[in-house]
Amino acid sequence: MRPTAAVPADDAPWHELFEFAMTYDGYRYHGTEGAFVVARALHDHWGQTGSLPDDLAALRCALFMAQRSAHWTEFSPDQDGPWVRALVRKIRELGGGSVTAAED
């Protein structure tokens, strides 16, 4: 049986959200360039429509890439926070509160 990871609550602190993001390796499942393409497409779609698709792998990839971006840049919760929280909410909705954790 594969391990699961609990999806953080809406009001979870940033470190919990980003720790959860690392339970999915977007690079492994989508490739380095592919992970960027998936994340950008979802972010653009969300920005235009305010909605996110019912694609758990794509959502988790986008959250992973948001964590990577925050790690390498100056993350601003005022700017990027709504995006990250929207991803976590949709992941929780689709996963029923937990998702399969990454395999080592």
N, C-alpha and C. Protein backbone atom coordinates (compact mmCIF):
# COMPACT_ATOMS: atom_id res chain seq x y z
N MET A 1 0.84 -1.18 0.00
CA MET A 1 0.00 0.00 0.00
C MET A 1 0.89 1.24 0.00
N ARG A 2 0.58 2.18 -0.87
CA ARG A 2 1.38 3.39 -0.98
C ARG A 2 1.00 4.37 0.14
N PRO A 3 1.98 5.10 0.66
CA PRO A 3 1.70 6.05 1.73
C PRO A 3 0.87 7.23 1.21
N THR A 4 0.14 7.84 2.12
CA THR A 4 -0.66 9.01 1.76
C THR A 4 -0.16 10.23 2.52
N ALA A 5 -0.51 11.39 1.99
CA ALA A 5 -0.18 12.67 2.63
C ALA A 5 -1.47 13.44 2.82
N ALA A 6 -1.68 13.95 4.03
CA ALA A 6 -2.87 14.75 4.31
C ALA A 6 -2.72 16.12 3.64
N VAL A 7 -3.79 16.59 3.02
CA VAL A 7 -3.78 17.90 2.40
C VAL A 7 -3.99 18.94 3.51
N PRO A 8 -3.11 19.95 3.58
CA PRO A 8 -3.22 20.95 4.65
C PRO A 8 -4.54 21.72 4.60
N ALA A 9 -4.91 22.27 5.73
CA ALA A 9 -6.12 23.10 5.84
C ALA A 9 -5.92 24.43 5.10
N ASP A 10 -7.03 25.09 4.80
CA ASP A 10 -6.97 26.39 4.12
C ASP A 10 -6.11 27.41 4.86
N ASP A 11 -6.15 27.37 6.17
CA ASP A 11 -5.42 28.37 6.96
C ASP A 11 -4.05 27.87 7.45
N ALA A 12 -3.56 26.79 6.86
CA ALA A 12 -2.26 26.24 7.26
C ALA A 12 -1.15 27.26 6.98
N PRO A 13 -0.11 27.26 7.81
CA PRO A 13 1.01 28.17 7.55
C PRO A 13 1.74 27.77 6.26
N TRP A 14 2.44 28.73 5.69
CA TRP A 14 3.11 28.52 4.41
C TRP A 14 4.05 27.32 4.44
N HIS A 15 4.79 27.14 5.52
CA HIS A 15 5.74 26.02 5.54
C HIS A 15 5.03 24.68 5.41
N GLU A 16 3.81 24.56 5.95
CA GLU A 16 3.06 23.30 5.79
C GLU A 16 2.59 23.10 4.35
N LEU A 17 2.16 24.19 3.72
CA LEU A 17 1.72 24.09 2.33
C LEU A 17 2.88 23.67 1.43
N PHE A 18 4.04 24.26 1.67
CA PHE A 18 5.18 23.96 0.82
C PHE A 18 5.80 22.61 1.15
N GLU A 19 5.68 22.17 2.38
CA GLU A 19 6.11 20.82 2.74
C GLU A 19 5.22 19.80 2.01
N PHE A 20 3.93 20.06 2.01
CA PHE A 20 2.99 19.20 1.30
C PHE A 20 3.29 19.19 -0.20
N ALA A 21 3.63 20.34 -0.76
CA ALA A 21 3.93 20.43 -2.19
C ALA A 21 5.03 19.46 -2.58
N MET A 22 5.96 19.20 -1.67
CA MET A 22 7.10 18.33 -1.97
C MET A 22 6.74 16.85 -1.89
N THR A 23 5.49 16.51 -1.61
CA THR A 23 5.07 15.11 -1.64
C THR A 23 4.79 14.64 -3.07
N TYR A 24 4.97 15.54 -4.03
CA TYR A 24 4.79 15.21 -5.45
C TYR A 24 5.97 15.80 -6.20
N ASP A 25 6.72 14.98 -6.89
CA ASP A 25 7.88 15.44 -7.64
C ASP A 25 7.48 15.74 -9.08
N GLY A 26 7.14 16.99 -9.33
CA GLY A 26 6.72 17.38 -10.67
C GLY A 26 7.76 17.13 -11.73
N TYR A 27 9.02 17.25 -11.38
CA TYR A 27 10.10 16.99 -12.35
C TYR A 27 10.10 15.51 -12.76
N ARG A 28 9.90 14.65 -11.78
CA ARG A 28 9.93 13.20 -12.05
C ARG A 28 8.78 12.78 -12.98
N TYR A 29 7.59 13.31 -12.73
CA TYR A 29 6.42 12.87 -13.47
C TYR A 29 6.17 13.64 -14.77
N HIS A 30 6.72 14.85 -14.88
CA HIS A 30 6.44 15.68 -16.06
C HIS A 30 7.70 16.14 -16.78
N GLY A 31 8.88 15.88 -16.20
CA GLY A 31 10.11 16.41 -16.75
C GLY A 31 10.28 17.86 -16.34
N THR A 32 11.48 18.35 -16.38
CA THR A 32 11.73 19.72 -15.93
C THR A 32 10.96 20.74 -16.76
N GLU A 33 11.08 20.65 -18.06
CA GLU A 33 10.37 21.60 -18.92
C GLU A 33 8.87 21.34 -18.89
N GLY A 34 8.47 20.08 -18.88
CA GLY A 34 7.05 19.74 -18.85
C GLY A 34 6.36 20.25 -17.60
N ALA A 35 7.04 20.17 -16.46
CA ALA A 35 6.46 20.67 -15.21
C ALA A 35 6.21 22.17 -15.29
N PHE A 36 7.14 22.89 -15.90
CA PHE A 36 6.96 24.33 -16.08
C PHE A 36 5.77 24.61 -16.99
N VAL A 37 5.66 23.86 -18.08
CA VAL A 37 4.56 24.06 -19.03
C VAL A 37 3.21 23.78 -18.36
N VAL A 38 3.12 22.69 -17.60
CA VAL A 38 1.87 22.34 -16.90
C VAL A 38 1.49 23.45 -15.92
N ALA A 39 2.45 23.88 -15.12
CA ALA A 39 2.18 24.91 -14.11
C ALA A 39 1.75 26.22 -14.76
N ARG A 40 2.44 26.63 -15.80
CA ARG A 40 2.11 27.90 -16.48
C ARG A 40 0.72 27.83 -17.10
N ALA A 41 0.38 26.72 -17.72
CA ALA A 41 -0.93 26.58 -18.35
C ALA A 41 -2.05 26.67 -17.30
N LEU A 42 -1.86 26.00 -16.17
CA LEU A 42 -2.88 26.05 -15.12
C LEU A 42 -2.99 27.46 -14.53
N HIS A 43 -1.85 28.09 -14.31
CA HIS A 43 -1.86 29.44 -13.75
C HIS A 43 -2.55 30.41 -14.70
N ASP A 44 -2.26 30.32 -15.98
CA ASP A 44 -2.91 31.19 -16.97
C ASP A 44 -4.41 30.94 -17.01
N HIS A 45 -4.80 29.66 -17.02
CA HIS A 45 -6.23 29.31 -17.04
C HIS A 45 -6.93 29.85 -15.80
N TRP A 46 -6.33 29.66 -14.64
CA TRP A 46 -6.91 30.15 -13.39
C TRP A 46 -7.03 31.68 -13.41
N GLY A 47 -6.00 32.35 -13.93
CA GLY A 47 -6.04 33.81 -14.01
C GLY A 47 -7.14 34.33 -14.92
N GLN A 48 -7.44 33.58 -15.98
CA GLN A 48 -8.46 34.00 -16.94
C GLN A 48 -9.87 33.61 -16.51
N THR A 49 -10.00 32.47 -15.84
CA THR A 49 -11.34 31.94 -15.55
C THR A 49 -11.68 31.86 -14.06
N GLY A 50 -10.64 31.87 -13.22
CA GLY A 50 -10.87 31.71 -11.78
C GLY A 50 -11.18 30.27 -11.41
N SER A 51 -11.00 29.34 -12.34
CA SER A 51 -11.29 27.93 -12.06
C SER A 51 -10.05 27.08 -12.31
N LEU A 52 -10.08 25.88 -11.74
CA LEU A 52 -9.00 24.93 -11.91
C LEU A 52 -9.59 23.60 -12.41
N PRO A 53 -8.83 22.86 -13.20
CA PRO A 53 -9.35 21.60 -13.75
C PRO A 53 -9.39 20.49 -12.69
N ASP A 54 -10.09 19.44 -13.02
CA ASP A 54 -10.18 18.26 -12.16
C ASP A 54 -9.06 17.27 -12.51
N ASP A 55 -7.85 17.75 -12.57
CA ASP A 55 -6.69 16.95 -12.94
C ASP A 55 -5.70 16.99 -11.78
N LEU A 56 -5.79 15.98 -10.92
CA LEU A 56 -5.00 15.97 -9.69
C LEU A 56 -3.50 16.03 -9.96
N ALA A 57 -3.03 15.30 -10.96
CA ALA A 57 -1.59 15.32 -11.27
C ALA A 57 -1.14 16.71 -11.70
N ALA A 58 -1.91 17.37 -12.54
CA ALA A 58 -1.55 18.72 -12.99
C ALA A 58 -1.59 19.71 -11.83
N LEU A 59 -2.58 19.60 -10.97
CA LEU A 59 -2.69 20.49 -9.81
C LEU A 59 -1.50 20.31 -8.88
N ARG A 60 -1.14 19.07 -8.63
CA ARG A 60 -0.01 18.81 -7.73
C ARG A 60 1.30 19.26 -8.36
N CYS A 61 1.41 19.12 -9.67
CA CYS A 61 2.59 19.61 -10.38
C CYS A 61 2.69 21.13 -10.24
N ALA A 62 1.58 21.82 -10.42
CA ALA A 62 1.58 23.28 -10.30
C ALA A 62 1.95 23.72 -8.89
N LEU A 63 1.47 23.01 -7.88
CA LEU A 63 1.81 23.33 -6.50
C LEU A 63 3.30 23.08 -6.25
N PHE A 64 3.81 21.97 -6.77
CA PHE A 64 5.23 21.67 -6.67
C PHE A 64 6.06 22.80 -7.30
N MET A 65 5.66 23.25 -8.47
CA MET A 65 6.40 24.31 -9.14
C MET A 65 6.28 25.64 -8.39
N ALA A 66 5.15 25.90 -7.75
CA ALA A 66 5.02 27.10 -6.93
C ALA A 66 6.00 27.04 -5.76
N GLN A 67 6.16 25.86 -5.17
CA GLN A 67 7.12 25.70 -4.08
C GLN A 67 8.53 25.93 -4.59
N ARG A 68 8.86 25.35 -5.74
CA ARG A 68 10.20 25.51 -6.28
C ARG A 68 10.47 26.98 -6.58
N SER A 69 9.49 27.66 -7.14
CA SER A 69 9.64 29.08 -7.44
C SER A 69 9.86 29.89 -6.16
N ALA A 70 9.07 29.58 -5.13
CA ALA A 70 9.21 30.29 -3.85
C ALA A 70 10.58 30.02 -3.24
N HIS A 71 11.07 28.81 -3.41
CA HIS A 71 12.38 28.44 -2.87
C HIS A 71 13.50 29.25 -3.52
N TRP A 72 13.39 29.49 -4.82
CA TRP A 72 14.48 30.14 -5.56
C TRP A 72 14.29 31.63 -5.75
N THR A 73 13.15 32.18 -5.34
CA THR A 73 12.89 33.62 -5.50
C THR A 73 12.37 34.18 -4.19
N GLU A 74 12.03 35.43 -4.22
CA GLU A 74 11.42 36.06 -3.05
C GLU A 74 9.92 35.85 -3.13
N PHE A 75 9.43 34.84 -2.42
CA PHE A 75 8.01 34.52 -2.42
C PHE A 75 7.24 35.63 -1.73
N SER A 76 6.16 36.05 -2.35
CA SER A 76 5.30 37.07 -1.77
C SER A 76 3.90 36.50 -1.57
N PRO A 77 3.50 36.23 -0.31
CA PRO A 77 2.15 35.72 -0.08
C PRO A 77 1.06 36.65 -0.62
N ASP A 78 1.33 37.96 -0.64
CA ASP A 78 0.34 38.89 -1.17
C ASP A 78 0.11 38.68 -2.66
N GLN A 79 1.19 38.34 -3.37
CA GLN A 79 1.10 38.15 -4.81
C GLN A 79 0.76 36.71 -5.17
N ASP A 80 1.45 35.74 -4.59
CA ASP A 80 1.32 34.35 -4.98
C ASP A 80 0.44 33.52 -4.06
N GLY A 81 0.09 34.05 -2.91
CA GLY A 81 -0.68 33.30 -1.93
C GLY A 81 -2.03 32.80 -2.41
N PRO A 82 -2.83 33.64 -3.09
CA PRO A 82 -4.13 33.16 -3.56
C PRO A 82 -4.00 31.97 -4.53
N TRP A 83 -3.00 31.98 -5.38
CA TRP A 83 -2.76 30.88 -6.31
C TRP A 83 -2.45 29.59 -5.57
N VAL A 84 -1.52 29.66 -4.63
CA VAL A 84 -1.12 28.49 -3.86
C VAL A 84 -2.31 27.94 -3.08
N ARG A 85 -3.05 28.80 -2.43
CA ARG A 85 -4.20 28.35 -1.63
C ARG A 85 -5.31 27.77 -2.51
N ALA A 86 -5.50 28.32 -3.71
CA ALA A 86 -6.50 27.77 -4.64
C ALA A 86 -6.10 26.36 -5.06
N LEU A 87 -4.82 26.15 -5.33
CA LEU A 87 -4.35 24.81 -5.69
C LEU A 87 -4.59 23.81 -4.56
N VAL A 88 -4.24 24.20 -3.35
CA VAL A 88 -4.40 23.30 -2.20
C VAL A 88 -5.88 22.97 -1.98
N ARG A 89 -6.75 23.97 -2.09
CA ARG A 89 -8.19 23.74 -1.92
C ARG A 89 -8.71 22.73 -2.94
N LYS A 90 -8.31 22.91 -4.20
CA LYS A 90 -8.79 22.01 -5.27
C LYS A 90 -8.22 20.60 -5.09
N ILE A 91 -6.95 20.51 -4.68
CA ILE A 91 -6.34 19.20 -4.42
C ILE A 91 -7.09 18.50 -3.29
N ARG A 92 -7.43 19.24 -2.23
CA ARG A 92 -8.18 18.65 -1.12
C ARG A 92 -9.55 18.18 -1.59
N GLU A 93 -10.21 18.98 -2.39
CA GLU A 93 -11.54 18.64 -2.92
C GLU A 93 -11.47 17.34 -3.73
N LEU A 94 -10.51 17.25 -4.63
CA LEU A 94 -10.41 16.06 -5.48
C LEU A 94 -9.89 14.84 -4.74
N GLY A 95 -9.00 15.06 -3.79
CA GLY A 95 -8.39 13.94 -3.08
C GLY A 95 -9.15 13.49 -1.86
N GLY A 96 -10.17 14.24 -1.48
CA GLY A 96 -10.93 13.86 -0.30
C GLY A 96 -10.16 14.04 1.00
N GLY A 97 -9.19 14.93 1.01
CA GLY A 97 -8.45 15.21 2.24
C GLY A 97 -7.06 14.62 2.30
N SER A 98 -6.79 13.64 1.43
CA SER A 98 -5.43 13.08 1.38
C SER A 98 -5.14 12.60 -0.03
N VAL A 99 -3.86 12.51 -0.33
CA VAL A 99 -3.42 12.07 -1.65
C VAL A 99 -2.25 11.10 -1.49
N THR A 100 -1.95 10.38 -2.53
CA THR A 100 -0.82 9.46 -2.50
C THR A 100 0.46 10.26 -2.40
N ALA A 101 1.32 9.86 -1.49
CA ALA A 101 2.61 10.54 -1.31
C ALA A 101 3.60 10.04 -2.34
N ALA A 102 4.62 10.82 -2.56
CA ALA A 102 5.66 10.45 -3.51
C ALA A 102 6.40 9.20 -3.04
N GLU A 103 6.83 8.42 -3.99
CA GLU A 103 7.64 7.25 -3.68
C GLU A 103 9.10 7.64 -3.79
N ASP A 104 9.92 7.08 -2.91
CA ASP A 104 11.36 7.37 -2.97
C ASP A 104 12.04 6.49 -3.98
